[in-house]
Amino acid sequence: MKSFVTVNSAGYIDMWSNQKVEGFAEVETSENNINLINVCKVENGKVILDEKRQKEIISNQRAEKTELEKLREELLLTQEALAALFESNLG
């Protein structure tokens, strides 16, 4: 399938288009790779998925979600402690 892309300084695709746009290079790609950002490179006019990089990005996103979940739990515990403190001061 024909598509048009730009690449960033690291060589990874950072923008896609289905029509010719100034500054975009024409490439051949599979449907599976269309619109993937920062995980595909262009080699000899063909889009190649960097599976290792994709797995690293997914892993990092999961780690960030886990960290966010921990922060939410801490916030909830803090809110519960504050509510208990207010109740004891009022009662």
N, C-alpha and C. Protein backbone atom coordinates (compact mmCIF):
# COMPACT_ATOMS: atom_id res chain seq x y z
N MET A 1 0.84 -1.17 0.00
CA MET A 1 0.00 0.00 0.00
C MET A 1 0.90 1.24 0.00
N LYS A 2 0.54 2.22 -0.80
CA LYS A 2 1.32 3.45 -0.93
C LYS A 2 0.88 4.44 0.14
N SER A 3 1.86 5.12 0.73
CA SER A 3 1.58 6.15 1.71
C SER A 3 2.70 7.18 1.65
N PHE A 4 2.58 8.24 2.43
CA PHE A 4 3.58 9.30 2.45
C PHE A 4 3.93 9.61 3.90
N VAL A 5 5.23 9.81 4.17
CA VAL A 5 5.68 9.98 5.55
C VAL A 5 6.77 11.04 5.66
N THR A 6 6.98 11.48 6.90
CA THR A 6 8.18 12.24 7.25
C THR A 6 8.87 11.47 8.36
N VAL A 7 10.17 11.68 8.51
CA VAL A 7 10.91 11.00 9.57
C VAL A 7 11.59 12.04 10.46
N ASN A 8 11.78 11.67 11.73
CA ASN A 8 12.44 12.56 12.68
C ASN A 8 13.95 12.39 12.61
N SER A 9 14.68 13.10 13.46
CA SER A 9 16.14 13.07 13.42
C SER A 9 16.71 11.69 13.77
N ALA A 10 15.93 10.87 14.48
CA ALA A 10 16.37 9.51 14.82
C ALA A 10 16.07 8.52 13.69
N GLY A 11 15.39 9.00 12.65
CA GLY A 11 15.09 8.14 11.51
C GLY A 11 13.75 7.42 11.59
N TYR A 12 12.96 7.72 12.62
CA TYR A 12 11.66 7.07 12.77
C TYR A 12 10.55 7.93 12.16
N ILE A 13 9.55 7.27 11.61
CA ILE A 13 8.42 7.98 11.01
C ILE A 13 7.68 8.75 12.10
N ASP A 14 7.46 10.04 11.82
CA ASP A 14 6.75 10.86 12.80
C ASP A 14 5.45 11.48 12.27
N MET A 15 5.21 11.34 10.96
CA MET A 15 3.93 11.80 10.39
C MET A 15 3.58 10.94 9.18
N TRP A 16 2.27 10.73 9.01
CA TRP A 16 1.74 9.95 7.89
C TRP A 16 0.74 10.77 7.11
N SER A 17 0.61 10.47 5.82
CA SER A 17 -0.43 11.07 4.98
C SER A 17 -0.82 10.06 3.92
N ASN A 18 -2.08 10.10 3.51
CA ASN A 18 -2.51 9.21 2.43
C ASN A 18 -2.43 9.90 1.07
N GLN A 19 -1.97 11.17 1.08
CA GLN A 19 -1.79 11.88 -0.18
C GLN A 19 -0.46 12.62 -0.18
N LYS A 20 0.03 12.92 -1.36
CA LYS A 20 1.32 13.59 -1.52
C LYS A 20 1.24 14.99 -0.91
N VAL A 21 2.15 15.25 0.02
CA VAL A 21 2.25 16.55 0.67
C VAL A 21 3.71 16.98 0.58
N GLU A 22 3.94 18.26 0.40
CA GLU A 22 5.32 18.75 0.30
C GLU A 22 6.10 18.35 1.55
N GLY A 23 7.29 17.79 1.33
CA GLY A 23 8.15 17.38 2.43
C GLY A 23 7.95 15.93 2.86
N PHE A 24 6.94 15.27 2.32
CA PHE A 24 6.66 13.88 2.66
C PHE A 24 7.25 12.98 1.58
N ALA A 25 7.78 11.83 2.00
CA ALA A 25 8.35 10.87 1.06
C ALA A 25 7.35 9.74 0.80
N GLU A 26 7.29 9.28 -0.43
CA GLU A 26 6.41 8.17 -0.78
C GLU A 26 7.04 6.86 -0.33
N VAL A 27 6.23 6.00 0.29
CA VAL A 27 6.72 4.71 0.78
C VAL A 27 5.68 3.62 0.50
N GLU A 28 6.14 2.39 0.58
CA GLU A 28 5.26 1.22 0.54
C GLU A 28 5.17 0.68 1.96
N THR A 29 3.96 0.36 2.39
CA THR A 29 3.77 -0.14 3.75
C THR A 29 2.63 -1.14 3.80
N SER A 30 2.60 -1.90 4.87
CA SER A 30 1.46 -2.79 5.11
C SER A 30 0.43 -2.00 5.92
N GLU A 31 -0.81 -2.43 5.87
CA GLU A 31 -1.86 -1.75 6.63
C GLU A 31 -1.56 -1.74 8.12
N ASN A 32 -0.89 -2.79 8.61
CA ASN A 32 -0.59 -2.90 10.03
C ASN A 32 0.31 -1.78 10.54
N ASN A 33 1.14 -1.23 9.67
CA ASN A 33 2.09 -0.21 10.10
C ASN A 33 1.58 1.21 9.95
N ILE A 34 0.50 1.40 9.22
CA ILE A 34 0.00 2.76 8.97
C ILE A 34 -0.35 3.44 10.29
N ASN A 35 0.09 4.68 10.40
CA ASN A 35 -0.16 5.56 11.55
C ASN A 35 0.63 5.19 12.80
N LEU A 36 1.54 4.24 12.72
CA LEU A 36 2.42 3.98 13.86
C LEU A 36 3.49 5.07 13.88
N ILE A 37 3.65 5.72 15.01
CA ILE A 37 4.58 6.84 15.15
C ILE A 37 5.76 6.42 16.02
N ASN A 38 6.96 6.78 15.60
CA ASN A 38 8.20 6.57 16.34
C ASN A 38 8.60 5.11 16.53
N VAL A 39 8.04 4.21 15.74
CA VAL A 39 8.45 2.80 15.82
C VAL A 39 8.76 2.19 14.45
N CYS A 40 8.59 2.96 13.39
CA CYS A 40 8.87 2.48 12.04
C CYS A 40 9.93 3.34 11.37
N LYS A 41 10.76 2.68 10.57
CA LYS A 41 11.76 3.38 9.77
C LYS A 41 11.50 3.07 8.30
N VAL A 42 12.13 3.85 7.43
CA VAL A 42 12.01 3.62 5.99
C VAL A 42 13.34 3.08 5.49
N GLU A 43 13.29 1.92 4.84
CA GLU A 43 14.48 1.32 4.24
C GLU A 43 14.17 0.98 2.79
N ASN A 44 14.90 1.57 1.88
CA ASN A 44 14.70 1.35 0.44
C ASN A 44 13.26 1.59 0.01
N GLY A 45 12.64 2.63 0.57
CA GLY A 45 11.28 2.99 0.19
C GLY A 45 10.19 2.15 0.83
N LYS A 46 10.57 1.25 1.75
CA LYS A 46 9.58 0.41 2.42
C LYS A 46 9.60 0.68 3.92
N VAL A 47 8.42 0.65 4.53
CA VAL A 47 8.30 0.87 5.96
C VAL A 47 8.62 -0.42 6.70
N ILE A 48 9.53 -0.31 7.67
CA ILE A 48 9.95 -1.45 8.47
C ILE A 48 9.63 -1.16 9.93
N LEU A 49 8.88 -2.05 10.57
CA LEU A 49 8.55 -1.91 11.99
C LEU A 49 9.73 -2.35 12.84
N ASP A 50 10.14 -1.50 13.77
CA ASP A 50 11.19 -1.83 14.74
C ASP A 50 10.47 -2.43 15.96
N GLU A 51 10.32 -3.76 15.96
CA GLU A 51 9.55 -4.43 17.01
C GLU A 51 10.16 -4.24 18.39
N LYS A 52 11.48 -4.23 18.47
CA LYS A 52 12.15 -4.04 19.76
C LYS A 52 11.78 -2.68 20.34
N ARG A 53 11.86 -1.64 19.51
CA ARG A 53 11.51 -0.28 19.97
C ARG A 53 10.04 -0.22 20.37
N GLN A 54 9.17 -0.86 19.60
CA GLN A 54 7.74 -0.86 19.91
C GLN A 54 7.49 -1.50 21.28
N LYS A 55 8.15 -2.63 21.54
CA LYS A 55 7.99 -3.31 22.84
C LYS A 55 8.51 -2.44 23.98
N GLU A 56 9.63 -1.74 23.75
CA GLU A 56 10.17 -0.85 24.78
C GLU A 56 9.20 0.27 25.11
N ILE A 57 8.61 0.86 24.08
CA ILE A 57 7.66 1.96 24.30
C ILE A 57 6.43 1.45 25.05
N ILE A 58 5.92 0.30 24.66
CA ILE A 58 4.75 -0.28 25.34
C ILE A 58 5.09 -0.58 26.80
N SER A 59 6.27 -1.13 27.03
CA SER A 59 6.71 -1.44 28.39
C SER A 59 6.81 -0.17 29.23
N ASN A 60 7.37 0.88 28.66
CA ASN A 60 7.49 2.16 29.38
C ASN A 60 6.12 2.74 29.70
N GLN A 61 5.18 2.61 28.77
CA GLN A 61 3.83 3.12 29.02
C GLN A 61 3.16 2.35 30.15
N ARG A 62 3.39 1.04 30.20
CA ARG A 62 2.82 0.23 31.29
C ARG A 62 3.42 0.64 32.62
N ALA A 63 4.74 0.89 32.64
CA ALA A 63 5.40 1.32 33.87
C ALA A 63 4.84 2.66 34.34
N GLU A 64 4.59 3.57 33.40
CA GLU A 64 4.02 4.86 33.75
C GLU A 64 2.62 4.69 34.32
N LYS A 65 1.82 3.79 33.75
CA LYS A 65 0.48 3.54 34.26
C LYS A 65 0.56 2.98 35.68
N THR A 66 1.49 2.07 35.91
CA THR A 66 1.65 1.49 37.23
C THR A 66 2.01 2.57 38.24
N GLU A 67 2.91 3.47 37.87
CA GLU A 67 3.30 4.57 38.74
C GLU A 67 2.10 5.47 39.03
N LEU A 68 1.30 5.74 38.01
CA LEU A 68 0.10 6.56 38.18
C LEU A 68 -0.89 5.88 39.12
N GLU A 69 -1.04 4.57 39.00
CA GLU A 69 -1.93 3.83 39.89
C GLU A 69 -1.45 3.94 41.33
N LYS A 70 -0.15 3.85 41.56
CA LYS A 70 0.41 3.99 42.92
C LYS A 70 0.10 5.37 43.48
N LEU A 71 0.27 6.40 42.66
CA LEU A 71 -0.02 7.76 43.11
C LEU A 71 -1.49 7.94 43.44
N ARG A 72 -2.36 7.33 42.66
CA ARG A 72 -3.80 7.41 42.94
C ARG A 72 -4.13 6.74 44.28
N GLU A 73 -3.52 5.58 44.54
CA GLU A 73 -3.74 4.89 45.81
C GLU A 73 -3.26 5.74 46.98
N GLU A 74 -2.09 6.35 46.84
CA GLU A 74 -1.56 7.21 47.90
C GLU A 74 -2.48 8.40 48.14
N LEU A 75 -3.00 8.99 47.07
CA LEU A 75 -3.91 10.12 47.19
C LEU A 75 -5.19 9.70 47.91
N LEU A 76 -5.71 8.54 47.57
CA LEU A 76 -6.92 8.04 48.20
C LEU A 76 -6.70 7.81 49.69
N LEU A 77 -5.56 7.22 50.06
CA LEU A 77 -5.24 7.00 51.47
C LEU A 77 -5.11 8.32 52.21
N THR A 78 -4.50 9.30 51.57
CA THR A 78 -4.36 10.63 52.19
C THR A 78 -5.72 11.27 52.40
N GLN A 79 -6.60 11.15 51.42
CA GLN A 79 -7.95 11.70 51.55
C GLN A 79 -8.71 11.03 52.69
N GLU A 80 -8.57 9.71 52.80
CA GLU A 80 -9.25 8.98 53.88
C GLU A 80 -8.70 9.41 55.23
N ALA A 81 -7.39 9.59 55.34
CA ALA A 81 -6.77 10.01 56.59
C ALA A 81 -7.24 11.42 56.97
N LEU A 82 -7.32 12.31 56.00
CA LEU A 82 -7.79 13.67 56.26
C LEU A 82 -9.25 13.67 56.70
N ALA A 83 -10.06 12.85 56.07
CA ALA A 83 -11.48 12.76 56.44
C ALA A 83 -11.61 12.26 57.88
N ALA A 84 -10.82 11.26 58.25
CA ALA A 84 -10.84 10.73 59.61
C ALA A 84 -10.38 11.79 60.60
N LEU A 85 -9.37 12.56 60.25
CA LEU A 85 -8.85 13.62 61.11
C LEU A 85 -9.91 14.70 61.32
N PHE A 86 -10.59 15.12 60.27
CA PHE A 86 -11.64 16.12 60.39
C PHE A 86 -12.78 15.61 61.27
N GLU A 87 -13.15 14.34 61.09
CA GLU A 87 -14.23 13.76 61.90
C GLU A 87 -13.86 13.74 63.37
N SER A 88 -12.61 13.38 63.68
CA SER A 88 -12.20 13.31 65.08
C SER A 88 -12.14 14.70 65.70
N ASN A 89 -11.80 15.71 64.93
CA ASN A 89 -11.75 17.09 65.45
C ASN A 89 -13.15 17.67 65.63
N LEU A 90 -14.09 17.24 64.81
CA LEU A 90 -15.45 17.75 64.92
C LEU A 90 -16.24 17.03 66.00
N GLY A 91 -15.91 15.77 66.24
CA GLY A 91 -16.67 14.94 67.16
C GLY A 91 -16.22 15.09 68.54
